[in-house]
Amino acid sequence: MGKSELLLPAGSLVKLKTALLYGADAVYAGTPDMSLRTQSKFSLEDLKEGIDFVHRKGKKIYLTLNLFIHNREAEKLPQFVKTLRDLAPDGVLISDPGVFDFVGEHAPELNRFVSTQANVCSTPAVRFWEKMGAKLCVLGRETSFEETKEIRKACPDIKLETFIHGSMCMSYSGRCLISNFLADRSANMGKCAHCCRWHYTLNIKLKDGTIKPLEITEENKDLFEFFLKEDYRQDQYYEIAEDDKGGYILNSKDMCLMPRLNEILDLGLDSLKVEGRNKTEYYVATVARAYRHAIDDYFKNKENWKPDIYLKELYCLQNRGYCLGFFDGQLTNLSQNYEYTRGIGDYVFAGSIVKWDGDDAIFEIRNYINSGETIEFLIPDSLETVHLSLKSFEDAETGLVTERVSAGEGKKIRIRPQTWNKSISQIKKCLPELVIARKYMPLSGQNAKMNADKKEDFEKICAKE
């Protein structure tokens, strides 16, 4: 049984290279035309460069062709498949059976993978796709650990992939109609408006037929709370919380299977997938680094492996609170975030070293930094960080020096070699181009409490047998 592949999202060429720098074994990417990622930052030229870069590193790259097509898209298939043949990725992710068949007929040399959008959650489904010629099946997020174990045992000759980290969808493996209904943007065509993250308000209908918002005032706010209850779950009540911005009745927490990673690794799955092609390079670097070290450390010392130090890194990301998804089967109310949709986390993306100009680091700003504020550089092959505090900031192009710097379109500063507290040769060795930096963002009292509450909720979920 080999070590599972760590698969990271590549929403752009920079993110692709960042993922590999921080330990990904493989990446997946999409193009705007024929995938479920209409916001893809990849041009055809970028894809060619990215694929060449990945293969030079001895890694793998998979491309997506995973939308459900209408006839208007079917007309594009011949040209798109021709392009795929020219690009020669290591696999193509497909959802639509018609597309799957077309690629098999017109590009038989391409490895066809079944996307999570195909909702593969059972042994018969995996066997079906294997008979159709699939080399790999991505299991739907709804597949529990026990079901995954049964599928792995029953289907030993096909590769299996499962999600371990990222956003959760309120619909069945992303097969959502809410966005189409409310915003005329089909999630199944890659245009999801994320209506499940919107805030909603409670309204009441008066006897005269008028509909008005239910006004929560200082006088009545403590008199009652609102809960949803489903007929077959008599003991489970789902709170509808509302603040001045509304309520978030459909907002799922993010998946994080780090606390169960040891069990997943013991299954011998072929690929462990991280969601997030629209996330930042900071997200890609942090998640890749945490899971890379967690996987490697587990195989070095299984008996003493614990998830704590890796979870600490993942908590540095902005997130909606973590849950285990469907790992244990049925979700609980702790898997939903009813109070707010904004992210929580103690750190934000500060920027990255985009290149070394001799011994000067050219650092692109992604968040404001004040004089004396400490930024932390994430070392790719370690969980350690390099701390740096700058008293002033030199514009990389104009040389203008300021005591505060803000993010802008490509805004960069020059970090001189004497600024570091180590020799410049050491710094350049452990902080190559594309290295990511973060900065601590103190939370307000309310946000700090939210942060603590979400961590406590996650610990409760993980403590259950």
Protein backbone atom coordinates (compact mmCIF):
# COMPACT_ATOMS: atom_id res chain seq x y z
CA MET A 1 0.00 0.00 0.00
CA GLY A 2 1.57 3.27 -1.13
CA LYS A 3 1.34 6.66 0.50
CA SER A 4 -1.78 8.61 -0.52
CA GLU A 5 -1.30 11.45 -2.98
CA LEU A 6 -1.86 14.97 -1.61
CA LEU A 7 -3.92 16.83 -4.21
CA LEU A 8 -4.20 20.63 -4.05
CA PRO A 9 -6.26 23.14 -6.06
CA ALA A 10 -4.56 25.32 -8.65
CA GLY A 11 -6.80 28.30 -9.36
CA SER A 12 -4.00 30.13 -11.16
CA LEU A 13 -0.44 29.57 -12.33
CA VAL A 14 0.94 31.16 -9.14
CA LYS A 15 -1.26 28.97 -6.95
CA LEU A 16 -0.15 25.91 -8.91
CA LYS A 17 3.50 26.68 -8.22
CA THR A 18 2.75 27.55 -4.59
CA ALA A 19 1.00 24.22 -4.04
CA LEU A 20 4.02 22.28 -5.32
CA LEU A 21 6.42 24.44 -3.30
CA TYR A 22 4.57 23.55 -0.11
CA GLY A 23 4.33 19.83 -0.69
CA ALA A 24 1.52 18.88 -3.06
CA ASP A 25 2.01 15.66 -5.03
CA ALA A 26 -0.51 16.75 -7.63
CA VAL A 27 -2.75 19.69 -8.54
CA TYR A 28 -6.04 20.10 -10.37
CA ALA A 29 -7.05 23.03 -12.54
CA GLY A 30 -9.88 24.14 -14.77
CA THR A 31 -10.51 26.38 -17.75
CA PRO A 32 -13.46 28.80 -17.96
CA ASP A 33 -15.20 27.22 -20.95
CA MET A 34 -15.80 23.61 -20.02
CA SER A 35 -15.45 23.18 -16.27
CA LEU A 36 -17.32 24.12 -13.13
CA ARG A 37 -14.91 26.97 -12.48
CA THR A 38 -15.97 29.96 -14.56
CA GLN A 39 -13.67 32.17 -12.48
CA SER A 40 -10.59 30.18 -13.43
CA LYS A 41 -7.55 32.43 -13.86
CA PHE A 42 -5.93 30.07 -16.37
CA SER A 43 -5.43 30.96 -20.00
CA LEU A 44 -4.42 28.26 -22.45
CA GLU A 45 -0.84 29.57 -22.35
CA ASP A 46 -0.87 29.41 -18.55
CA LEU A 47 -2.08 25.83 -18.66
CA LYS A 48 0.70 24.82 -21.03
CA GLU A 49 3.29 26.48 -18.81
CA GLY A 50 1.73 24.97 -15.70
CA ILE A 51 1.66 21.44 -17.08
CA ASP A 52 5.28 21.69 -18.20
CA PHE A 53 6.25 23.04 -14.77
CA VAL A 54 4.41 20.23 -12.94
CA HIS A 55 5.94 17.52 -15.07
CA ARG A 56 9.46 18.93 -14.70
CA LYS A 57 8.94 18.60 -10.95
CA GLY A 58 7.91 14.97 -11.37
CA LYS A 59 4.38 15.74 -10.15
CA LYS A 60 0.92 15.34 -11.70
CA ILE A 61 -1.81 17.67 -12.92
CA TYR A 62 -5.47 16.94 -13.63
CA LEU A 63 -7.81 19.15 -15.66
CA THR A 64 -11.56 19.51 -15.25
CA LEU A 65 -14.22 18.88 -17.86
CA ASN A 66 -16.86 18.40 -15.20
CA LEU A 67 -19.89 20.47 -16.15
CA PHE A 68 -23.21 18.96 -17.17
CA ILE A 69 -23.55 20.01 -20.76
CA HIS A 70 -26.45 21.32 -22.79
CA ASN A 71 -26.44 21.08 -26.57
CA ARG A 72 -24.77 24.46 -26.86
CA GLU A 73 -21.76 23.11 -24.93
CA ALA A 74 -21.80 19.81 -26.84
CA GLU A 75 -20.88 21.73 -29.99
CA LYS A 76 -17.62 22.79 -28.32
CA LEU A 77 -16.58 19.27 -27.27
CA PRO A 78 -14.55 18.27 -30.36
CA GLN A 79 -12.31 21.36 -30.20
CA PHE A 80 -11.98 21.17 -26.44
CA VAL A 81 -11.00 17.50 -26.48
CA LYS A 82 -8.46 18.25 -29.21
CA THR A 83 -6.97 20.90 -26.91
CA LEU A 84 -6.86 18.39 -24.04
CA ARG A 85 -4.98 15.91 -26.22
CA ASP A 86 -2.42 18.58 -27.06
CA LEU A 87 -2.01 19.54 -23.38
CA ALA A 88 -1.65 15.89 -22.25
CA PRO A 89 -2.61 16.20 -18.57
CA ASP A 90 -2.34 13.21 -16.25
CA GLY A 91 -6.11 12.91 -15.99
CA VAL A 92 -9.38 14.60 -16.89
CA LEU A 93 -12.20 15.00 -14.35
CA ILE A 94 -15.62 14.38 -15.90
CA SER A 95 -19.19 14.32 -14.53
CA ASP A 96 -21.49 14.03 -17.54
CA PRO A 97 -21.83 10.45 -18.91
CA GLY A 98 -22.11 11.80 -22.45
CA VAL A 99 -18.87 13.74 -22.08
CA PHE A 100 -17.23 10.69 -20.50
CA ASP A 101 -18.19 8.57 -23.50
CA PHE A 102 -17.12 11.23 -26.01
CA VAL A 103 -13.66 11.60 -24.46
CA GLY A 104 -13.23 7.82 -24.36
CA GLU A 105 -14.04 7.58 -28.06
CA HIS A 106 -12.08 10.58 -29.34
CA ALA A 107 -9.16 10.70 -26.89
CA PRO A 108 -8.65 7.13 -25.66
CA GLU A 109 -5.14 7.91 -24.39
CA LEU A 110 -6.48 10.34 -21.74
CA ASN A 111 -7.10 9.01 -18.25
CA ARG A 112 -10.76 9.62 -17.43
CA PHE A 113 -11.56 10.42 -13.80
CA VAL A 114 -15.10 10.63 -12.42
CA SER A 115 -15.70 13.99 -10.72
CA THR A 116 -17.41 14.44 -7.35
CA GLN A 117 -20.26 16.06 -9.30
CA ALA A 118 -21.25 12.57 -10.46
CA ASN A 119 -22.25 11.78 -6.84
CA VAL A 120 -20.37 8.49 -6.49
CA CYS A 121 -21.16 7.24 -2.98
CA SER A 122 -21.47 3.44 -3.28
CA THR A 123 -19.76 0.27 -4.41
CA PRO A 124 -22.17 -0.31 -7.35
CA ALA A 125 -21.54 3.22 -8.62
CA VAL A 126 -17.75 2.75 -8.50
CA ARG A 127 -18.05 -0.62 -10.25
CA PHE A 128 -20.22 0.93 -12.95
CA TRP A 129 -17.71 3.65 -13.73
CA GLU A 130 -14.85 1.15 -13.63
CA LYS A 131 -16.64 -0.91 -16.30
CA MET A 132 -17.07 2.25 -18.37
CA GLY A 133 -13.30 2.78 -18.35
CA ALA A 134 -12.75 5.18 -15.44
CA LYS A 135 -9.26 5.12 -13.94
CA LEU A 136 -10.31 6.98 -10.77
CA CYS A 137 -13.50 7.91 -8.92
CA VAL A 138 -13.76 10.94 -6.68
CA LEU A 139 -16.12 9.94 -3.89
CA GLY A 140 -18.88 12.37 -3.02
CA ARG A 141 -18.53 14.33 0.21
CA GLU A 142 -21.63 12.51 1.48
CA THR A 143 -19.73 9.21 1.67
CA SER A 144 -18.99 8.27 5.27
CA PHE A 145 -15.72 6.76 6.46
CA GLU A 146 -17.31 3.32 6.92
CA GLU A 147 -18.77 3.45 3.41
CA THR A 148 -15.41 4.52 2.01
CA LYS A 149 -13.76 1.58 3.77
CA GLU A 150 -16.30 -0.84 2.24
CA ILE A 151 -15.83 0.64 -1.23
CA ARG A 152 -12.03 0.40 -0.99
CA LYS A 153 -12.25 -3.27 -0.01
CA ALA A 154 -14.80 -4.14 -2.70
CA CYS A 155 -13.09 -2.16 -5.49
CA PRO A 156 -9.32 -2.72 -5.18
CA ASP A 157 -8.48 -2.21 -8.86
CA ILE A 158 -9.67 1.36 -9.41
CA LYS A 159 -8.15 4.49 -7.89
CA LEU A 160 -10.22 6.29 -5.26
CA GLU A 161 -10.07 9.91 -4.21
CA THR A 162 -11.72 11.58 -1.23
CA PHE A 163 -12.01 15.15 0.08
CA ILE A 164 -10.16 15.96 3.29
CA HIS A 165 -10.40 19.75 3.54
CA GLY A 166 -12.35 22.72 2.21
CA SER A 167 -15.77 24.30 1.86
CA MET A 168 -18.89 22.19 2.20
CA CYS A 169 -21.94 22.57 -0.04
CA MET A 170 -25.49 22.53 1.30
CA SER A 171 -26.53 20.59 -1.78
CA TYR A 172 -25.65 17.07 -2.85
CA SER A 173 -21.99 17.20 -3.90
CA GLY A 174 -22.56 20.62 -5.39
CA ARG A 175 -25.62 19.65 -7.45
CA CYS A 176 -27.39 22.84 -6.39
CA LEU A 177 -30.50 24.59 -7.74
CA ILE A 178 -30.76 27.41 -5.18
CA SER A 179 -28.40 29.68 -7.08
CA ASN A 180 -30.21 29.01 -10.35
CA PHE A 181 -33.56 29.78 -8.73
CA LEU A 182 -32.57 32.92 -6.82
CA ALA A 183 -29.85 34.43 -9.02
CA ASP A 184 -30.26 32.80 -12.44
CA ARG A 185 -26.73 31.43 -12.07
CA SER A 186 -26.45 27.67 -12.38
CA ALA A 187 -24.08 25.96 -9.96
CA ASN A 188 -24.07 22.98 -12.31
CA MET A 189 -22.65 25.23 -15.02
CA GLY A 190 -19.95 26.68 -12.79
CA LYS A 191 -21.70 29.95 -11.91
CA CYS A 192 -22.78 29.42 -8.29
CA ALA A 193 -23.76 32.65 -6.49
CA HIS A 194 -23.32 30.91 -3.10
CA CYS A 195 -26.85 31.69 -1.98
CA CYS A 196 -26.35 29.35 0.98
CA ARG A 197 -23.91 31.92 2.40
CA TRP A 198 -26.37 34.81 2.13
CA HIS A 199 -28.18 36.20 5.12
CA TYR A 200 -31.95 35.86 5.34
CA THR A 201 -34.51 37.63 7.51
CA LEU A 202 -37.60 36.29 9.24
CA ASN A 203 -40.87 37.79 8.00
CA ILE A 204 -44.46 37.58 9.20
CA LYS A 205 -47.72 37.87 7.28
CA LEU A 206 -50.30 40.13 8.90
CA LYS A 207 -54.06 39.58 8.80
CA ASP A 208 -54.47 42.26 6.15
CA GLY A 209 -52.16 40.29 3.84
CA THR A 210 -49.11 42.51 4.14
CA ILE A 211 -45.72 40.91 4.79
CA LYS A 212 -43.25 42.60 7.09
CA PRO A 213 -39.91 41.68 8.65
CA LEU A 214 -40.21 40.28 12.15
CA GLU A 215 -38.65 43.11 14.10
CA ILE A 216 -36.34 42.06 16.93
CA THR A 217 -36.22 44.87 19.49
CA GLU A 218 -34.54 45.48 22.83
CA GLU A 219 -37.87 44.69 24.48
CA ASN A 220 -38.53 41.32 22.84
CA LYS A 221 -35.10 39.99 21.86
CA ASP A 222 -34.71 37.92 25.04
CA LEU A 223 -38.26 36.55 25.06
CA PHE A 224 -37.79 33.86 22.43
CA GLU A 225 -35.44 32.07 20.07
CA PHE A 226 -36.21 30.38 16.75
CA PHE A 227 -35.44 26.75 15.90
CA LEU A 228 -36.13 24.51 12.91
CA LYS A 229 -37.25 20.96 13.66
CA GLU A 230 -37.63 18.18 11.11
CA ASP A 231 -40.36 15.55 11.72
CA TYR A 232 -38.06 12.53 11.78
CA ARG A 233 -35.45 14.09 14.07
CA GLN A 234 -37.55 14.67 17.15
CA ASP A 235 -34.67 15.56 19.45
CA GLN A 236 -32.71 17.82 17.11
CA TYR A 237 -33.42 21.52 16.92
CA TYR A 238 -31.61 23.76 14.47
CA GLU A 239 -31.24 27.31 15.67
CA ILE A 240 -32.08 30.23 13.40
CA ALA A 241 -29.93 33.04 14.72
CA GLU A 242 -30.29 36.58 13.41
CA ASP A 243 -28.27 39.73 13.90
CA ASP A 244 -28.56 43.16 12.33
CA LYS A 245 -27.39 41.66 9.02
CA GLY A 246 -29.85 38.75 9.04
CA GLY A 247 -29.60 34.99 9.68
CA TYR A 248 -27.56 32.26 7.98
CA ILE A 249 -29.80 29.18 7.96
CA LEU A 250 -28.00 27.35 5.12
CA ASN A 251 -24.35 28.19 5.88
CA SER A 252 -22.20 25.09 6.36
CA LYS A 253 -18.93 25.07 8.24
CA ASP A 254 -15.79 24.03 6.38
CA MET A 255 -14.60 20.44 6.24
CA CYS A 256 -11.40 19.55 8.09
CA LEU A 257 -10.50 15.87 8.44
CA MET A 258 -7.10 16.42 10.03
CA PRO A 259 -8.28 14.86 13.34
CA ARG A 260 -9.17 11.66 11.42
CA LEU A 261 -6.30 11.73 8.94
CA ASN A 262 -4.60 8.68 10.46
CA GLU A 263 -7.71 6.57 9.86
CA ILE A 264 -8.00 7.81 6.28
CA LEU A 265 -4.35 7.08 5.55
CA ASP A 266 -4.75 3.53 6.80
CA LEU A 267 -7.40 2.90 4.12
CA GLY A 268 -4.82 3.20 1.36
CA LEU A 269 -6.81 5.65 -0.77
CA ASP A 270 -4.99 6.89 -3.83
CA SER A 271 -5.65 10.61 -3.55
CA LEU A 272 -6.61 13.04 -0.77
CA LYS A 273 -8.20 16.17 -2.17
CA VAL A 274 -8.29 19.74 -0.87
CA GLU A 275 -11.07 22.05 -2.12
CA GLY A 276 -10.44 25.70 -2.92
CA ARG A 277 -9.49 26.84 -6.43
CA ASN A 278 -10.86 30.31 -5.68
CA LYS A 279 -8.92 30.64 -2.40
CA THR A 280 -5.68 32.60 -2.01
CA GLU A 281 -2.08 31.43 -2.27
CA TYR A 282 -1.97 31.75 1.52
CA TYR A 283 -4.72 29.14 1.81
CA VAL A 284 -2.99 26.82 -0.66
CA ALA A 285 0.38 27.13 1.10
CA THR A 286 -0.99 26.70 4.63
CA VAL A 287 -3.17 23.69 3.87
CA ALA A 288 -0.55 21.98 1.70
CA ARG A 289 2.16 22.48 4.33
CA ALA A 290 0.01 21.24 7.21
CA TYR A 291 -1.21 18.09 5.46
CA ARG A 292 2.18 17.37 3.85
CA HIS A 293 3.90 17.26 7.23
CA ALA A 294 0.99 15.45 8.86
CA ILE A 295 1.07 12.68 6.23
CA ASP A 296 4.85 12.30 6.28
CA ASP A 297 5.04 12.36 10.07
CA TYR A 298 2.32 9.74 10.36
CA PHE A 299 4.21 7.25 8.20
CA LYS A 300 7.39 7.95 10.15
CA ASN A 301 5.81 7.31 13.55
CA LYS A 302 2.24 5.98 13.45
CA GLU A 303 2.07 5.09 17.13
CA ASN A 304 2.75 8.60 18.41
CA TRP A 305 1.03 10.65 15.72
CA LYS A 306 -1.37 13.35 16.91
CA PRO A 307 -3.14 16.04 14.88
CA ASP A 308 -2.71 18.95 17.29
CA ILE A 309 0.28 20.78 15.80
CA TYR A 310 -1.14 20.54 12.27
CA LEU A 311 -4.57 21.74 13.40
CA LYS A 312 -2.88 24.73 14.99
CA GLU A 313 -1.64 25.70 11.52
CA LEU A 314 -5.06 25.22 9.94
CA TYR A 315 -6.63 27.46 12.57
CA CYS A 316 -4.43 30.27 11.22
CA LEU A 317 -6.61 30.34 8.11
CA GLN A 318 -9.79 32.34 7.75
CA ASN A 319 -12.58 29.78 7.95
CA ARG A 320 -16.27 29.40 8.76
CA GLY A 321 -15.53 27.04 11.61
CA TYR A 322 -14.53 23.43 11.00
CA CYS A 323 -16.55 20.22 10.95
CA LEU A 324 -15.92 16.59 9.96
CA GLY A 325 -18.41 16.71 7.11
CA PHE A 326 -20.07 13.33 6.61
CA PHE A 327 -17.13 11.38 8.02
CA ASP A 328 -19.24 9.86 10.81
CA GLY A 329 -22.39 9.63 8.70
CA GLN A 330 -25.21 11.94 9.71
CA LEU A 331 -24.40 15.60 10.26
CA THR A 332 -25.28 17.35 13.50
CA ASN A 333 -26.32 20.92 14.23
CA LEU A 334 -22.66 21.63 15.08
CA SER A 335 -21.86 21.28 11.37
CA GLN A 336 -23.80 24.43 10.51
CA ASN A 337 -22.84 28.03 11.10
CA TYR A 338 -26.08 29.88 11.73
CA GLU A 339 -24.66 33.07 13.21
CA TYR A 340 -22.55 34.62 10.43
CA THR A 341 -20.92 33.99 7.09
CA ARG A 342 -17.65 35.91 7.49
CA GLY A 343 -14.47 33.98 8.18
CA ILE A 344 -12.75 33.60 11.50
CA GLY A 345 -9.06 33.11 12.23
CA ASP A 346 -6.18 34.88 13.93
CA TYR A 347 -4.03 35.50 10.82
CA VAL A 348 -4.42 37.04 7.38
CA PHE A 349 -2.41 36.88 4.16
CA ALA A 350 0.41 39.46 4.34
CA GLY A 351 2.06 38.81 0.99
CA SER A 352 4.71 36.75 -0.79
CA ILE A 353 8.26 36.94 -2.08
CA VAL A 354 7.67 37.09 -5.83
CA LYS A 355 11.38 37.09 -6.70
CA TRP A 356 14.90 37.62 -5.43
CA ASP A 357 16.67 40.55 -7.06
CA GLY A 358 20.24 39.68 -6.11
CA ASP A 359 20.11 39.66 -2.31
CA ASP A 360 16.99 41.86 -2.19
CA ALA A 361 13.63 40.20 -1.66
CA ILE A 362 10.82 41.66 -3.77
CA PHE A 363 7.75 41.25 -1.60
CA GLU A 364 4.21 41.70 -2.96
CA ILE A 365 1.81 43.20 -0.43
CA ARG A 366 -1.56 41.50 0.05
CA ASN A 367 -2.67 43.24 3.25
CA TYR A 368 -1.73 46.47 4.99
CA ILE A 369 1.37 46.34 7.22
CA ASN A 370 2.26 48.97 9.82
CA SER A 371 5.71 50.00 11.00
CA GLY A 372 6.98 47.55 13.61
CA GLU A 373 4.37 44.91 12.79
CA THR A 374 5.68 41.35 12.61
CA ILE A 375 5.09 39.17 9.57
CA GLU A 376 5.74 35.42 9.52
CA PHE A 377 7.18 33.62 6.49
CA LEU A 378 6.06 29.99 6.12
CA ILE A 379 9.10 27.78 5.49
CA PRO A 380 8.07 25.18 2.86
CA ASP A 381 9.88 22.14 4.26
CA SER A 382 9.17 22.87 7.92
CA LEU A 383 6.34 23.93 10.21
CA GLU A 384 8.61 26.69 11.52
CA THR A 385 8.33 30.32 10.46
CA VAL A 386 10.78 33.17 9.89
CA HIS A 387 9.72 36.36 11.69
CA LEU A 388 10.46 39.80 10.30
CA SER A 389 9.56 43.23 11.63
CA LEU A 390 10.01 46.23 9.33
CA LYS A 391 10.12 49.79 10.63
CA SER A 392 9.74 51.28 7.15
CA PHE A 393 8.83 50.12 3.67
CA GLU A 394 10.73 50.83 0.45
CA ASP A 395 8.66 50.79 -2.72
CA ALA A 396 10.28 48.26 -5.09
CA GLU A 397 9.81 50.49 -8.15
CA THR A 398 10.08 54.09 -6.95
CA GLY A 399 12.26 53.69 -3.85
CA LEU A 400 9.80 55.81 -1.85
CA VAL A 401 9.99 54.97 1.88
CA THR A 402 6.86 54.99 4.06
CA GLU A 403 5.92 53.86 7.58
CA ARG A 404 2.83 51.99 6.41
CA VAL A 405 2.11 50.06 3.26
CA SER A 406 -1.22 48.92 1.84
CA ALA A 407 -2.11 46.32 -0.75
CA GLY A 408 -2.69 47.56 -4.26
CA GLU A 409 -2.55 46.29 -7.80
CA GLY A 410 0.78 44.50 -7.75
CA LYS A 411 2.14 46.69 -4.92
CA LYS A 412 5.64 45.51 -4.00
CA ILE A 413 8.33 46.49 -1.52
CA ARG A 414 12.06 45.80 -1.48
CA ILE A 415 13.46 44.01 1.57
CA ARG A 416 17.20 44.63 1.91
CA PRO A 417 19.58 41.84 3.07
CA GLN A 418 20.61 43.64 6.28
CA THR A 419 16.98 43.56 7.46
CA TRP A 420 17.05 39.86 8.30
CA ASN A 421 18.42 38.49 11.56
CA LYS A 422 20.16 35.60 9.75
CA SER A 423 22.70 35.47 6.95
CA ILE A 424 21.20 36.23 3.57
CA SER A 425 22.39 32.87 2.21
CA GLN A 426 20.39 31.08 4.93
CA ILE A 427 17.35 33.23 4.27
CA LYS A 428 17.42 32.65 0.50
CA LYS A 429 17.78 28.93 1.06
CA CYS A 430 14.74 28.55 3.34
CA LEU A 431 12.62 31.28 1.70
CA PRO A 432 12.63 30.71 -2.08
CA GLU A 433 10.49 32.61 -4.56
CA LEU A 434 6.72 32.33 -3.97
CA VAL A 435 7.13 31.84 -0.21
CA ILE A 436 4.05 33.07 1.64
CA ALA A 437 3.90 35.39 4.66
CA ARG A 438 1.09 35.97 7.15
CA LYS A 439 0.42 38.55 9.83
CA TYR A 440 -1.41 38.32 13.13
CA MET A 441 -4.78 40.03 13.14
CA PRO A 442 -6.05 40.66 16.68
CA LEU A 443 -9.76 39.95 16.89
CA SER A 444 -12.34 42.16 18.51
CA GLY A 445 -14.09 40.87 21.63
CA GLN A 446 -17.10 39.51 19.71
CA ASN A 447 -15.00 37.96 16.93
CA ALA A 448 -12.59 36.44 19.44
CA LYS A 449 -15.52 34.79 21.19
CA MET A 450 -16.83 33.47 17.87
CA ASN A 451 -13.38 32.10 17.11
CA ALA A 452 -13.19 30.35 20.48
CA ASP A 453 -16.73 29.00 20.16
CA LYS A 454 -16.05 27.47 16.75
CA LYS A 455 -12.89 25.76 17.98
CA GLU A 456 -14.83 24.43 20.98
CA ASP A 457 -17.59 23.11 18.69
CA PHE A 458 -15.02 21.34 16.53
CA GLU A 459 -13.38 19.76 19.57
CA LYS A 460 -16.80 18.47 20.66
CA ILE A 461 -17.37 16.88 17.26
CA CYS A 462 -13.91 15.31 17.20
CA ALA A 463 -14.26 13.95 20.75
CA LYS A 464 -17.30 11.85 19.83
CA GLU A 465 -16.63 8.17 19.37
